[in-house]
Amino acid sequence: MEDAMKEQMRELEESHLRPDVRTTTEKLDEQLADDFLEFGSSGYPIRKEDCMTGDLDVDDLSLLNFEVRMLASDIVLTTYIIRNRTKDRNTLRSSIWKHMDGRWQLYFHQGTVTPLDLSDSTTHSHLRP
């Protein structure tokens, strides 16, 4: 994977976590594909229109173990761990990004709460694709 592509995708994922993006309808509208679908860590499906209400959590998050896989020339899979210090939990995350209308848009996302201990170095190696 090209370092530039990995960095670009990481920046997109990190931007989606920022409060200024999560609370701004215009930014969310640009970043999320019209047919966006998420299976949230809550277990509920979430669509783009659900995100546009401005009710997204704004927690203290850090992104770890970021990896990228090209699935096609215009489709990318990202995987990573989110450490949520606000809720004191970790989630495994995966996103599918599609290059549409001249930009990368978030097409699918899934978050799964995990009991994995992030201080254990073997945890990190097991999560690599």
Protein backbone atom coordinates (compact mmCIF):
# COMPACT_ATOMS: atom_id res chain seq x y z
CA MET A 1 0.00 0.00 0.00
CA GLU A 2 1.32 3.38 -0.96
CA ASP A 3 2.23 5.49 2.07
CA ALA A 4 0.47 8.53 0.59
CA MET A 5 -2.79 6.59 0.18
CA LYS A 6 -2.56 5.21 3.71
CA GLU A 7 -1.96 8.70 5.09
CA GLN A 8 -4.87 10.16 3.09
CA MET A 9 -7.25 7.47 4.34
CA ARG A 10 -6.05 7.90 7.93
CA GLU A 11 -6.69 11.65 7.69
CA LEU A 12 -10.22 10.96 6.43
CA GLU A 13 -10.93 8.52 9.26
CA GLU A 14 -9.51 10.90 11.86
CA SER A 15 -11.51 13.81 10.44
CA HIS A 16 -14.69 11.77 10.86
CA LEU A 17 -13.90 11.52 14.59
CA ARG A 18 -13.43 15.26 15.11
CA PRO A 19 -16.22 17.21 16.85
CA ASP A 20 -16.20 19.93 14.15
CA VAL A 21 -17.05 17.31 11.51
CA ARG A 22 -19.42 15.20 13.61
CA THR A 23 -21.54 18.22 14.51
CA THR A 24 -21.57 19.96 11.11
CA THR A 25 -24.26 18.79 8.71
CA GLU A 26 -22.46 20.18 5.65
CA LYS A 27 -19.23 18.33 6.45
CA LEU A 28 -21.05 15.08 7.17
CA ASP A 29 -23.05 15.43 3.96
CA GLU A 30 -19.83 15.77 1.97
CA GLN A 31 -18.03 12.92 3.72
CA LEU A 32 -20.81 10.31 3.86
CA ALA A 33 -22.06 8.58 0.71
CA ASP A 34 -25.78 9.01 0.08
CA ASP A 35 -26.28 5.27 0.65
CA PHE A 36 -23.99 5.16 3.72
CA LEU A 37 -24.67 2.35 6.19
CA GLU A 38 -23.12 1.75 9.60
CA PHE A 39 -23.53 -1.11 12.01
CA GLY A 40 -22.76 0.79 15.18
CA SER A 41 -21.16 -0.54 18.33
CA SER A 42 -24.66 -0.17 19.78
CA GLY A 43 -25.78 -2.97 17.47
CA TYR A 44 -28.14 -0.72 15.54
CA PRO A 45 -27.94 0.10 11.82
CA ILE A 46 -27.33 3.77 11.10
CA ARG A 47 -27.95 5.52 7.77
CA LYS A 48 -26.72 8.85 6.48
CA GLU A 49 -29.98 10.57 7.37
CA ASP A 50 -29.57 9.37 10.99
CA CYS A 51 -26.15 11.06 11.15
CA MET A 52 -27.48 14.33 9.75
CA THR A 53 -29.59 15.03 12.86
CA GLY A 54 -26.51 16.20 14.77
CA ASP A 55 -26.90 13.58 17.49
CA LEU A 56 -23.51 11.91 16.97
CA ASP A 57 -21.43 11.33 20.09
CA VAL A 58 -18.48 13.67 20.57
CA ASP A 59 -16.13 11.61 22.75
CA ASP A 60 -12.40 11.70 23.51
CA LEU A 61 -11.12 9.19 20.93
CA SER A 62 -7.75 7.99 19.67
CA LEU A 63 -7.14 5.84 16.60
CA LEU A 64 -4.67 2.92 16.80
CA ASN A 65 -3.40 0.10 14.54
CA PHE A 66 -4.54 1.78 11.33
CA GLU A 67 -4.37 -0.44 8.22
CA VAL A 68 -5.57 -0.02 4.62
CA ARG A 69 -6.39 -2.54 1.90
CA MET A 70 -7.22 -1.60 -1.67
CA LEU A 71 -10.24 -3.66 -2.76
CA ALA A 72 -10.44 -2.01 -6.20
CA SER A 73 -8.98 1.13 -7.76
CA ASP A 74 -11.85 3.16 -6.28
CA ILE A 75 -12.65 1.16 -3.13
CA VAL A 76 -10.61 1.00 0.08
CA LEU A 77 -11.07 -0.97 3.31
CA THR A 78 -9.67 0.59 6.48
CA THR A 79 -9.38 -1.23 9.81
CA TYR A 80 -8.30 0.14 13.17
CA ILE A 81 -9.00 0.32 16.90
CA ILE A 82 -10.64 3.25 18.65
CA ARG A 83 -9.76 3.92 22.26
CA ASN A 84 -12.70 5.83 23.74
CA ARG A 85 -11.54 7.51 26.93
CA THR A 86 -14.96 9.11 27.51
CA LYS A 87 -16.76 5.76 27.68
CA ASP A 88 -13.68 3.80 28.83
CA ARG A 89 -13.93 1.18 26.10
CA ASN A 90 -12.23 -0.01 22.94
CA THR A 91 -13.86 -0.76 19.60
CA LEU A 92 -12.65 -2.56 16.51
CA ARG A 93 -13.54 -0.50 13.45
CA SER A 94 -13.76 -1.14 9.73
CA SER A 95 -14.76 1.24 6.96
CA ILE A 96 -15.26 0.96 3.23
CA TRP A 97 -14.50 4.15 1.33
CA LYS A 98 -15.52 4.66 -2.31
CA HIS A 99 -14.07 7.28 -4.62
CA MET A 100 -17.17 9.00 -6.04
CA ASP A 101 -17.85 12.45 -7.44
CA GLY A 102 -14.14 13.29 -7.35
CA ARG A 103 -13.61 12.50 -3.66
CA TRP A 104 -13.47 9.65 -1.14
CA GLN A 105 -16.78 9.07 0.60
CA LEU A 106 -17.54 6.80 3.54
CA TYR A 107 -19.79 4.05 2.18
CA PHE A 108 -19.87 1.52 5.06
CA HIS A 109 -18.67 1.46 8.66
CA GLN A 110 -18.81 -1.03 11.51
CA GLY A 111 -17.81 -0.69 15.15
CA THR A 112 -17.57 -3.64 17.52
CA VAL A 113 -16.89 -3.22 21.24
CA THR A 114 -13.96 -5.40 22.28
CA PRO A 115 -12.61 -6.47 25.67
CA LEU A 116 -9.07 -6.75 24.20
CA ASP A 117 -6.33 -5.27 26.35
CA LEU A 118 -4.57 -2.66 24.21
CA SER A 119 -1.53 -2.64 26.49
CA ASP A 120 -0.78 -6.23 25.42
CA SER A 121 1.54 -6.22 22.37
CA THR A 122 0.13 -9.55 21.14
CA THR A 123 -3.26 -7.87 20.77
CA HIS A 124 -1.78 -5.49 18.22
CA SER A 125 -0.17 -8.23 16.13
CA HIS A 126 -3.37 -10.32 16.03
CA LEU A 127 -5.36 -7.40 14.66
CA ARG A 128 -3.14 -6.83 11.62
CA PRO A 129 -4.65 -8.05 8.33
